[in-house]
Amino acid sequence: PQINPRPSREALPLPERAALDDYLA
C-alpha cells in the first residue's frame, strides 16, 4: 500500500482469479 496509493490500484496489472488463488494458497 505504500507504493500503490488507492487511486492507482485499478490500473495495476492485477492477477486473474487462478493466479491470485494460487498465490494465496
mmCIF file of all heavy atoms, coordinates in Angstrom:
data_MODEL
# 
_entry.id   MODEL 
# 
loop_
_atom_site.group_PDB 
_atom_site.id 
_atom_site.type_symbol 
_atom_site.label_atom_id 
_atom_site.label_alt_id 
_atom_site.label_comp_id 
_atom_site.label_asym_id 
_atom_site.label_entity_id 
_atom_site.label_seq_id 
_atom_site.pdbx_PDB_ins_code 
_atom_site.Cartn_x 
_atom_site.Cartn_y 
_atom_site.Cartn_z 
_atom_site.occupancy 
_atom_site.B_iso_or_equiv 
_atom_site.pdbx_formal_charge 
_atom_site.auth_seq_id 
_atom_site.auth_comp_id 
_atom_site.auth_asym_id 
_atom_site.auth_atom_id 
_atom_site.pdbx_PDB_model_num 
ATOM 1   N N   . PRO A 1 1  ? 0.809   -1.229  0.000   1.00 0.00 ? 1  PRO A N   1 
ATOM 2   C CA  . PRO A 1 1  ? 0.000   0.000   0.000   1.00 0.00 ? 1  PRO A CA  1 
ATOM 3   C C   . PRO A 1 1  ? 0.835   1.269   0.000   1.00 0.00 ? 1  PRO A C   1 
ATOM 4   O O   . PRO A 1 1  ? 0.350   2.325   -0.427  1.00 0.00 ? 1  PRO A O   1 
ATOM 5   C CB  . PRO A 1 1  ? -0.830  -0.130  1.282   1.00 0.00 ? 1  PRO A CB  1 
ATOM 6   C CG  . PRO A 1 1  ? -0.026  -1.023  2.171   1.00 0.00 ? 1  PRO A CG  1 
ATOM 7   C CD  . PRO A 1 1  ? 0.662   -1.985  1.248   1.00 0.00 ? 1  PRO A CD  1 
ATOM 8   N N   . GLN A 1 2  ? 2.059   1.202   0.477   1.00 0.00 ? 2  GLN A N   1 
ATOM 9   C CA  . GLN A 1 2  ? 2.898   2.396   0.486   1.00 0.00 ? 2  GLN A CA  1 
ATOM 10  C C   . GLN A 1 2  ? 3.351   2.757   -0.928  1.00 0.00 ? 2  GLN A C   1 
ATOM 11  O O   . GLN A 1 2  ? 3.505   3.930   -1.261  1.00 0.00 ? 2  GLN A O   1 
ATOM 12  C CB  . GLN A 1 2  ? 4.127   2.174   1.388   1.00 0.00 ? 2  GLN A CB  1 
ATOM 13  C CG  . GLN A 1 2  ? 3.795   1.731   2.805   1.00 0.00 ? 2  GLN A CG  1 
ATOM 14  C CD  . GLN A 1 2  ? 2.864   2.686   3.527   1.00 0.00 ? 2  GLN A CD  1 
ATOM 15  O OE1 . GLN A 1 2  ? 3.041   3.892   3.450   1.00 0.00 ? 2  GLN A OE1 1 
ATOM 16  N NE2 . GLN A 1 2  ? 1.870   2.155   4.223   1.00 0.00 ? 2  GLN A NE2 1 
ATOM 17  N N   . ILE A 1 3  ? 3.537   1.773   -1.760  1.00 0.00 ? 3  ILE A N   1 
ATOM 18  C CA  . ILE A 1 3  ? 3.988   2.003   -3.131  1.00 0.00 ? 3  ILE A CA  1 
ATOM 19  C C   . ILE A 1 3  ? 2.821   2.377   -4.040  1.00 0.00 ? 3  ILE A C   1 
ATOM 20  O O   . ILE A 1 3  ? 2.965   3.185   -4.969  1.00 0.00 ? 3  ILE A O   1 
ATOM 21  C CB  . ILE A 1 3  ? 4.706   0.746   -3.675  1.00 0.00 ? 3  ILE A CB  1 
ATOM 22  C CG1 . ILE A 1 3  ? 5.980   0.473   -2.863  1.00 0.00 ? 3  ILE A CG1 1 
ATOM 23  C CG2 . ILE A 1 3  ? 5.034   0.889   -5.163  1.00 0.00 ? 3  ILE A CG2 1 
ATOM 24  C CD1 . ILE A 1 3  ? 6.663   -0.831  -3.223  1.00 0.00 ? 3  ILE A CD1 1 
ATOM 25  N N   . ASN A 1 4  ? 1.650   1.810   -3.767  1.00 0.00 ? 4  ASN A N   1 
ATOM 26  C CA  . ASN A 1 4  ? 0.495   1.958   -4.650  1.00 0.00 ? 4  ASN A CA  1 
ATOM 27  C C   . ASN A 1 4  ? -0.667  2.632   -3.919  1.00 0.00 ? 4  ASN A C   1 
ATOM 28  O O   . ASN A 1 4  ? -1.467  1.955   -3.270  1.00 0.00 ? 4  ASN A O   1 
ATOM 29  C CB  . ASN A 1 4  ? 0.057   0.584   -5.161  1.00 0.00 ? 4  ASN A CB  1 
ATOM 30  C CG  . ASN A 1 4  ? 1.165   -0.145  -5.887  1.00 0.00 ? 4  ASN A CG  1 
ATOM 31  O OD1 . ASN A 1 4  ? 1.574   0.242   -6.961  1.00 0.00 ? 4  ASN A OD1 1 
ATOM 32  N ND2 . ASN A 1 4  ? 1.671   -1.210  -5.279  1.00 0.00 ? 4  ASN A ND2 1 
ATOM 33  N N   . PRO A 1 5  ? -0.807  3.947   -3.997  1.00 0.00 ? 5  PRO A N   1 
ATOM 34  C CA  . PRO A 1 5  ? -1.959  4.609   -3.374  1.00 0.00 ? 5  PRO A CA  1 
ATOM 35  C C   . PRO A 1 5  ? -3.256  4.165   -4.051  1.00 0.00 ? 5  PRO A C   1 
ATOM 36  O O   . PRO A 1 5  ? -3.262  3.701   -5.201  1.00 0.00 ? 5  PRO A O   1 
ATOM 37  C CB  . PRO A 1 5  ? -1.678  6.097   -3.602  1.00 0.00 ? 5  PRO A CB  1 
ATOM 38  C CG  . PRO A 1 5  ? -0.716  6.144   -4.738  1.00 0.00 ? 5  PRO A CG  1 
ATOM 39  C CD  . PRO A 1 5  ? 0.097   4.895   -4.669  1.00 0.00 ? 5  PRO A CD  1 
ATOM 40  N N   . ARG A 1 6  ? -4.369  4.321   -3.342  1.00 0.00 ? 6  ARG A N   1 
ATOM 41  C CA  . ARG A 1 6  ? -5.643  3.776   -3.819  1.00 0.00 ? 6  ARG A CA  1 
ATOM 42  C C   . ARG A 1 6  ? -6.030  4.190   -5.230  1.00 0.00 ? 6  ARG A C   1 
ATOM 43  O O   . ARG A 1 6  ? -6.457  3.349   -6.021  1.00 0.00 ? 6  ARG A O   1 
ATOM 44  C CB  . ARG A 1 6  ? -6.760  4.140   -2.833  1.00 0.00 ? 6  ARG A CB  1 
ATOM 45  C CG  . ARG A 1 6  ? -6.741  3.312   -1.567  1.00 0.00 ? 6  ARG A CG  1 
ATOM 46  C CD  . ARG A 1 6  ? -7.817  3.740   -0.610  1.00 0.00 ? 6  ARG A CD  1 
ATOM 47  N NE  . ARG A 1 6  ? -7.748  2.961   0.636   1.00 0.00 ? 6  ARG A NE  1 
ATOM 48  C CZ  . ARG A 1 6  ? -8.415  3.283   1.734   1.00 0.00 ? 6  ARG A CZ  1 
ATOM 49  N NH1 . ARG A 1 6  ? -9.196  4.351   1.742   1.00 0.00 ? 6  ARG A NH1 1 
ATOM 50  N NH2 . ARG A 1 6  ? -8.306  2.542   2.810   1.00 0.00 ? 6  ARG A NH2 1 
ATOM 51  N N   . PRO A 1 7  ? -5.923  5.469   -5.607  1.00 0.00 ? 7  PRO A N   1 
ATOM 52  C CA  . PRO A 1 7  ? -6.373  5.840   -6.948  1.00 0.00 ? 7  PRO A CA  1 
ATOM 53  C C   . PRO A 1 7  ? -5.640  5.127   -8.078  1.00 0.00 ? 7  PRO A C   1 
ATOM 54  O O   . PRO A 1 7  ? -6.137  5.055   -9.200  1.00 0.00 ? 7  PRO A O   1 
ATOM 55  C CB  . PRO A 1 7  ? -6.119  7.349   -6.997  1.00 0.00 ? 7  PRO A CB  1 
ATOM 56  C CG  . PRO A 1 7  ? -6.125  7.783   -5.569  1.00 0.00 ? 7  PRO A CG  1 
ATOM 57  C CD  . PRO A 1 7  ? -5.510  6.645   -4.811  1.00 0.00 ? 7  PRO A CD  1 
ATOM 58  N N   . SER A 1 8  ? -4.434  4.585   -7.788  1.00 0.00 ? 8  SER A N   1 
ATOM 59  C CA  . SER A 1 8  ? -3.628  3.950   -8.838  1.00 0.00 ? 8  SER A CA  1 
ATOM 60  C C   . SER A 1 8  ? -3.873  2.453   -8.963  1.00 0.00 ? 8  SER A C   1 
ATOM 61  O O   . SER A 1 8  ? -3.372  1.825   -9.902  1.00 0.00 ? 8  SER A O   1 
ATOM 62  C CB  . SER A 1 8  ? -2.141  4.188   -8.546  1.00 0.00 ? 8  SER A CB  1 
ATOM 63  O OG  . SER A 1 8  ? -1.721  3.433   -7.402  1.00 0.00 ? 8  SER A OG  1 
ATOM 64  N N   . ARG A 1 9  ? -4.644  1.873   -8.077  1.00 0.00 ? 9  ARG A N   1 
ATOM 65  C CA  . ARG A 1 9  ? -4.655  0.406   -7.987  1.00 0.00 ? 9  ARG A CA  1 
ATOM 66  C C   . ARG A 1 9  ? -5.442  -0.268  -9.110  1.00 0.00 ? 9  ARG A C   1 
ATOM 67  O O   . ARG A 1 9  ? -5.113  -1.394  -9.492  1.00 0.00 ? 9  ARG A O   1 
ATOM 68  C CB  . ARG A 1 9  ? -5.173  -0.010  -6.611  1.00 0.00 ? 9  ARG A CB  1 
ATOM 69  C CG  . ARG A 1 9  ? -4.198  0.341   -5.499  1.00 0.00 ? 9  ARG A CG  1 
ATOM 70  C CD  . ARG A 1 9  ? -4.752  0.145   -4.104  1.00 0.00 ? 9  ARG A CD  1 
ATOM 71  N NE  . ARG A 1 9  ? -3.808  0.675   -3.109  1.00 0.00 ? 9  ARG A NE  1 
ATOM 72  C CZ  . ARG A 1 9  ? -4.085  0.812   -1.807  1.00 0.00 ? 9  ARG A CZ  1 
ATOM 73  N NH1 . ARG A 1 9  ? -5.282  0.478   -1.343  1.00 0.00 ? 9  ARG A NH1 1 
ATOM 74  N NH2 . ARG A 1 9  ? -3.176  1.296   -0.997  1.00 0.00 ? 9  ARG A NH2 1 
ATOM 75  N N   . GLU A 1 10 ? -6.468  0.390   -9.633  1.00 0.00 ? 10 GLU A N   1 
ATOM 76  C CA  . GLU A 1 10 ? -7.217  -0.247  -10.711 1.00 0.00 ? 10 GLU A CA  1 
ATOM 77  C C   . GLU A 1 10 ? -6.362  -0.382  -11.967 1.00 0.00 ? 10 GLU A C   1 
ATOM 78  O O   . GLU A 1 10 ? -6.575  -1.300  -12.777 1.00 0.00 ? 10 GLU A O   1 
ATOM 79  C CB  . GLU A 1 10 ? -8.483  0.547   -11.030 1.00 0.00 ? 10 GLU A CB  1 
ATOM 80  C CG  . GLU A 1 10 ? -9.392  -0.182  -12.011 1.00 0.00 ? 10 GLU A CG  1 
ATOM 81  C CD  . GLU A 1 10 ? -10.707 0.538   -12.234 1.00 0.00 ? 10 GLU A CD  1 
ATOM 82  O OE1 . GLU A 1 10 ? -10.718 1.782   -12.216 1.00 0.00 ? 10 GLU A OE1 1 
ATOM 83  O OE2 . GLU A 1 10 ? -11.727 -0.150  -12.409 1.00 0.00 ? 10 GLU A OE2 1 
ATOM 84  N N   . ALA A 1 11 ? -5.386  0.502   -12.150 1.00 0.00 ? 11 ALA A N   1 
ATOM 85  C CA  . ALA A 1 11 ? -4.532  0.464   -13.344 1.00 0.00 ? 11 ALA A CA  1 
ATOM 86  C C   . ALA A 1 11 ? -3.414  -0.565  -13.238 1.00 0.00 ? 11 ALA A C   1 
ATOM 87  O O   . ALA A 1 11 ? -2.699  -0.810  -14.221 1.00 0.00 ? 11 ALA A O   1 
ATOM 88  C CB  . ALA A 1 11 ? -3.932  1.848   -13.601 1.00 0.00 ? 11 ALA A CB  1 
ATOM 89  N N   . LEU A 1 12 ? -3.241  -1.188  -12.072 1.00 0.00 ? 12 LEU A N   1 
ATOM 90  C CA  . LEU A 1 12 ? -2.209  -2.201  -11.915 1.00 0.00 ? 12 LEU A CA  1 
ATOM 91  C C   . LEU A 1 12 ? -2.559  -3.455  -12.722 1.00 0.00 ? 12 LEU A C   1 
ATOM 92  O O   . LEU A 1 12 ? -3.745  -3.727  -12.962 1.00 0.00 ? 12 LEU A O   1 
ATOM 93  C CB  . LEU A 1 12 ? -2.073  -2.575  -10.439 1.00 0.00 ? 12 LEU A CB  1 
ATOM 94  C CG  . LEU A 1 12 ? -1.551  -1.492  -9.497  1.00 0.00 ? 12 LEU A CG  1 
ATOM 95  C CD1 . LEU A 1 12 ? -1.736  -1.919  -8.037  1.00 0.00 ? 12 LEU A CD1 1 
ATOM 96  C CD2 . LEU A 1 12 ? -0.082  -1.186  -9.783  1.00 0.00 ? 12 LEU A CD2 1 
ATOM 97  N N   . PRO A 1 13 ? -1.573  -4.227  -13.136 1.00 0.00 ? 13 PRO A N   1 
ATOM 98  C CA  . PRO A 1 13 ? -1.850  -5.495  -13.838 1.00 0.00 ? 13 PRO A CA  1 
ATOM 99  C C   . PRO A 1 13 ? -2.296  -6.581  -12.847 1.00 0.00 ? 13 PRO A C   1 
ATOM 100 O O   . PRO A 1 13 ? -1.609  -7.582  -12.611 1.00 0.00 ? 13 PRO A O   1 
ATOM 101 C CB  . PRO A 1 13 ? -0.506  -5.830  -14.484 1.00 0.00 ? 13 PRO A CB  1 
ATOM 102 C CG  . PRO A 1 13 ? 0.513   -5.214  -13.574 1.00 0.00 ? 13 PRO A CG  1 
ATOM 103 C CD  . PRO A 1 13 ? -0.122  -3.934  -13.068 1.00 0.00 ? 13 PRO A CD  1 
ATOM 104 N N   . LEU A 1 14 ? -3.447  -6.363  -12.258 1.00 0.00 ? 14 LEU A N   1 
ATOM 105 C CA  . LEU A 1 14 ? -3.931  -7.257  -11.208 1.00 0.00 ? 14 LEU A CA  1 
ATOM 106 C C   . LEU A 1 14 ? -4.135  -8.663  -11.751 1.00 0.00 ? 14 LEU A C   1 
ATOM 107 O O   . LEU A 1 14 ? -4.531  -8.844  -12.908 1.00 0.00 ? 14 LEU A O   1 
ATOM 108 C CB  . LEU A 1 14 ? -5.243  -6.716  -10.629 1.00 0.00 ? 14 LEU A CB  1 
ATOM 109 C CG  . LEU A 1 14 ? -5.139  -5.361  -9.927  1.00 0.00 ? 14 LEU A CG  1 
ATOM 110 C CD1 . LEU A 1 14 ? -6.521  -4.806  -9.622  1.00 0.00 ? 14 LEU A CD1 1 
ATOM 111 C CD2 . LEU A 1 14 ? -4.316  -5.476  -8.651  1.00 0.00 ? 14 LEU A CD2 1 
ATOM 112 N N   . PRO A 1 15 ? -3.892  -9.677  -10.932 1.00 0.00 ? 15 PRO A N   1 
ATOM 113 C CA  . PRO A 1 15 ? -3.931  -11.053 -11.423 1.00 0.00 ? 15 PRO A CA  1 
ATOM 114 C C   . PRO A 1 15 ? -5.352  -11.539 -11.702 1.00 0.00 ? 15 PRO A C   1 
ATOM 115 O O   . PRO A 1 15 ? -6.327  -11.007 -11.175 1.00 0.00 ? 15 PRO A O   1 
ATOM 116 C CB  . PRO A 1 15 ? -3.307  -11.847 -10.275 1.00 0.00 ? 15 PRO A CB  1 
ATOM 117 C CG  . PRO A 1 15 ? -3.588  -11.028 -9.059  1.00 0.00 ? 15 PRO A CG  1 
ATOM 118 C CD  . PRO A 1 15 ? -3.489  -9.598  -9.518  1.00 0.00 ? 15 PRO A CD  1 
ATOM 119 N N   . GLU A 1 16 ? -5.433  -12.579 -12.508 1.00 0.00 ? 16 GLU A N   1 
ATOM 120 C CA  . GLU A 1 16 ? -6.697  -13.278 -12.704 1.00 0.00 ? 16 GLU A CA  1 
ATOM 121 C C   . GLU A 1 16 ? -6.957  -14.183 -11.498 1.00 0.00 ? 16 GLU A C   1 
ATOM 122 O O   . GLU A 1 16 ? -6.090  -14.403 -10.656 1.00 0.00 ? 16 GLU A O   1 
ATOM 123 C CB  . GLU A 1 16 ? -6.661  -14.090 -13.996 1.00 0.00 ? 16 GLU A CB  1 
ATOM 124 C CG  . GLU A 1 16 ? -6.542  -13.248 -15.258 1.00 0.00 ? 16 GLU A CG  1 
ATOM 125 C CD  . GLU A 1 16 ? -7.747  -12.335 -15.444 1.00 0.00 ? 16 GLU A CD  1 
ATOM 126 O OE1 . GLU A 1 16 ? -8.882  -12.781 -15.182 1.00 0.00 ? 16 GLU A OE1 1 
ATOM 127 O OE2 . GLU A 1 16 ? -7.549  -11.172 -15.851 1.00 0.00 ? 16 GLU A OE2 1 
ATOM 128 N N   . ARG A 1 17 ? -8.161  -14.729 -11.444 1.00 0.00 ? 17 ARG A N   1 
ATOM 129 C CA  . ARG A 1 17 ? -8.579  -15.496 -10.277 1.00 0.00 ? 17 ARG A CA  1 
ATOM 130 C C   . ARG A 1 17 ? -7.631  -16.671 -9.982  1.00 0.00 ? 17 ARG A C   1 
ATOM 131 O O   . ARG A 1 17 ? -7.222  -16.866 -8.830  1.00 0.00 ? 17 ARG A O   1 
ATOM 132 C CB  . ARG A 1 17 ? -9.992  -16.025 -10.475 1.00 0.00 ? 17 ARG A CB  1 
ATOM 133 C CG  . ARG A 1 17 ? -10.553 -16.725 -9.230  1.00 0.00 ? 17 ARG A CG  1 
ATOM 134 C CD  . ARG A 1 17 ? -11.917 -17.352 -9.509  1.00 0.00 ? 17 ARG A CD  1 
ATOM 135 N NE  . ARG A 1 17 ? -12.926 -16.373 -9.807  1.00 0.00 ? 17 ARG A NE  1 
ATOM 136 C CZ  . ARG A 1 17 ? -13.708 -15.788 -8.896  1.00 0.00 ? 17 ARG A CZ  1 
ATOM 137 N NH1 . ARG A 1 17 ? -13.557 -16.083 -7.616  1.00 0.00 ? 17 ARG A NH1 1 
ATOM 138 N NH2 . ARG A 1 17 ? -14.624 -14.920 -9.268  1.00 0.00 ? 17 ARG A NH2 1 
ATOM 139 N N   . ALA A 1 18 ? -7.277  -17.443 -10.999 1.00 0.00 ? 18 ALA A N   1 
ATOM 140 C CA  . ALA A 1 18 ? -6.448  -18.623 -10.763 1.00 0.00 ? 18 ALA A CA  1 
ATOM 141 C C   . ALA A 1 18 ? -5.087  -18.233 -10.186 1.00 0.00 ? 18 ALA A C   1 
ATOM 142 O O   . ALA A 1 18 ? -4.577  -18.893 -9.266  1.00 0.00 ? 18 ALA A O   1 
ATOM 143 C CB  . ALA A 1 18 ? -6.280  -19.416 -12.058 1.00 0.00 ? 18 ALA A CB  1 
ATOM 144 N N   . ALA A 1 19 ? -4.508  -17.162 -10.732 1.00 0.00 ? 19 ALA A N   1 
ATOM 145 C CA  . ALA A 1 19 ? -3.191  -16.738 -10.254 1.00 0.00 ? 19 ALA A CA  1 
ATOM 146 C C   . ALA A 1 19 ? -3.264  -16.224 -8.818  1.00 0.00 ? 19 ALA A C   1 
ATOM 147 O O   . ALA A 1 19 ? -2.369  -16.496 -7.997  1.00 0.00 ? 19 ALA A O   1 
ATOM 148 C CB  . ALA A 1 19 ? -2.631  -15.656 -11.169 1.00 0.00 ? 19 ALA A CB  1 
ATOM 149 N N   . LEU A 1 20 ? -4.327  -15.492 -8.486  1.00 0.00 ? 20 LEU A N   1 
ATOM 150 C CA  . LEU A 1 20 ? -4.463  -14.986 -7.131  1.00 0.00 ? 20 LEU A CA  1 
ATOM 151 C C   . LEU A 1 20 ? -4.727  -16.128 -6.150  1.00 0.00 ? 20 LEU A C   1 
ATOM 152 O O   . LEU A 1 20 ? -4.136  -16.182 -5.062  1.00 0.00 ? 20 LEU A O   1 
ATOM 153 C CB  . LEU A 1 20 ? -5.591  -13.960 -7.054  1.00 0.00 ? 20 LEU A CB  1 
ATOM 154 C CG  . LEU A 1 20 ? -5.812  -13.328 -5.680  1.00 0.00 ? 20 LEU A CG  1 
ATOM 155 C CD1 . LEU A 1 20 ? -4.564  -12.605 -5.186  1.00 0.00 ? 20 LEU A CD1 1 
ATOM 156 C CD2 . LEU A 1 20 ? -6.993  -12.365 -5.717  1.00 0.00 ? 20 LEU A CD2 1 
ATOM 157 N N   . ASP A 1 21 ? -5.600  -17.051 -6.523  1.00 0.00 ? 21 ASP A N   1 
ATOM 158 C CA  . ASP A 1 21 ? -5.869  -18.199 -5.659  1.00 0.00 ? 21 ASP A CA  1 
ATOM 159 C C   . ASP A 1 21 ? -4.600  -18.997 -5.407  1.00 0.00 ? 21 ASP A C   1 
ATOM 160 O O   . ASP A 1 21 ? -4.339  -19.458 -4.285  1.00 0.00 ? 21 ASP A O   1 
ATOM 161 C CB  . ASP A 1 21 ? -6.936  -19.096 -6.277  1.00 0.00 ? 21 ASP A CB  1 
ATOM 162 C CG  . ASP A 1 21 ? -8.326  -18.510 -6.186  1.00 0.00 ? 21 ASP A CG  1 
ATOM 163 O OD1 . ASP A 1 21 ? -8.518  -17.542 -5.426  1.00 0.00 ? 21 ASP A OD1 1 
ATOM 164 O OD2 . ASP A 1 21 ? -9.232  -19.026 -6.871  1.00 0.00 ? 21 ASP A OD2 1 
ATOM 165 N N   . ASP A 1 22 ? -3.792  -19.165 -6.450  1.00 0.00 ? 22 ASP A N   1 
ATOM 166 C CA  . ASP A 1 22 ? -2.536  -19.899 -6.302  1.00 0.00 ? 22 ASP A CA  1 
ATOM 167 C C   . ASP A 1 22 ? -1.594  -19.173 -5.350  1.00 0.00 ? 22 ASP A C   1 
ATOM 168 O O   . ASP A 1 22 ? -0.951  -19.793 -4.493  1.00 0.00 ? 22 ASP A O   1 
ATOM 169 C CB  . ASP A 1 22 ? -1.886  -20.071 -7.677  1.00 0.00 ? 22 ASP A CB  1 
ATOM 170 C CG  . ASP A 1 22 ? -0.543  -20.777 -7.591  1.00 0.00 ? 22 ASP A CG  1 
ATOM 171 O OD1 . ASP A 1 22 ? -0.522  -21.982 -7.270  1.00 0.00 ? 22 ASP A OD1 1 
ATOM 172 O OD2 . ASP A 1 22 ? 0.501   -20.113 -7.840  1.00 0.00 ? 22 ASP A OD2 1 
ATOM 173 N N   . TYR A 1 23 ? -1.514  -17.861 -5.495  1.00 0.00 ? 23 TYR A N   1 
ATOM 174 C CA  . TYR A 1 23 ? -0.646  -17.076 -4.612  1.00 0.00 ? 23 TYR A CA  1 
ATOM 175 C C   . TYR A 1 23 ? -1.087  -17.196 -3.157  1.00 0.00 ? 23 TYR A C   1 
ATOM 176 O O   . TYR A 1 23 ? -0.261  -17.461 -2.263  1.00 0.00 ? 23 TYR A O   1 
ATOM 177 C CB  . TYR A 1 23 ? -0.649  -15.618 -5.047  1.00 0.00 ? 23 TYR A CB  1 
ATOM 178 C CG  . TYR A 1 23 ? 0.074   -14.687 -4.100  1.00 0.00 ? 23 TYR A CG  1 
ATOM 179 C CD1 . TYR A 1 23 ? 1.440   -14.799 -3.893  1.00 0.00 ? 23 TYR A CD1 1 
ATOM 180 C CD2 . TYR A 1 23 ? -0.613  -13.687 -3.405  1.00 0.00 ? 23 TYR A CD2 1 
ATOM 181 C CE1 . TYR A 1 23 ? 2.118   -13.948 -3.024  1.00 0.00 ? 23 TYR A CE1 1 
ATOM 182 C CE2 . TYR A 1 23 ? 0.046   -12.825 -2.547  1.00 0.00 ? 23 TYR A CE2 1 
ATOM 183 C CZ  . TYR A 1 23 ? 1.408   -12.968 -2.351  1.00 0.00 ? 23 TYR A CZ  1 
ATOM 184 O OH  . TYR A 1 23 ? 2.069   -12.122 -1.477  1.00 0.00 ? 23 TYR A OH  1 
ATOM 185 N N   . LEU A 1 24 ? -2.376  -17.027 -2.888  1.00 0.00 ? 24 LEU A N   1 
ATOM 186 C CA  . LEU A 1 24 ? -2.864  -17.117 -1.512  1.00 0.00 ? 24 LEU A CA  1 
ATOM 187 C C   . LEU A 1 24 ? -2.607  -18.509 -0.936  1.00 0.00 ? 24 LEU A C   1 
ATOM 188 O O   . LEU A 1 24 ? -2.249  -18.648 0.247   1.00 0.00 ? 24 LEU A O   1 
ATOM 189 C CB  . LEU A 1 24 ? -4.350  -16.782 -1.463  1.00 0.00 ? 24 LEU A CB  1 
ATOM 190 C CG  . LEU A 1 24 ? -4.724  -15.330 -1.781  1.00 0.00 ? 24 LEU A CG  1 
ATOM 191 C CD1 . LEU A 1 24 ? -6.239  -15.174 -1.829  1.00 0.00 ? 24 LEU A CD1 1 
ATOM 192 C CD2 . LEU A 1 24 ? -4.136  -14.375 -0.754  1.00 0.00 ? 24 LEU A CD2 1 
ATOM 193 N N   . ALA A 1 25 ? -2.787  -19.550 -1.744  1.00 0.00 ? 25 ALA A N   1 
ATOM 194 C CA  . ALA A 1 25 ? -2.552  -20.915 -1.271  1.00 0.00 ? 25 ALA A CA  1 
ATOM 195 C C   . ALA A 1 25 ? -1.079  -21.149 -0.972  1.00 0.00 ? 25 ALA A C   1 
ATOM 196 O O   . ALA A 1 25 ? -0.725  -21.793 0.030   1.00 0.00 ? 25 ALA A O   1 
ATOM 197 C CB  . ALA A 1 25 ? -3.056  -21.919 -2.306  1.00 0.00 ? 25 ALA A CB  1 
# 
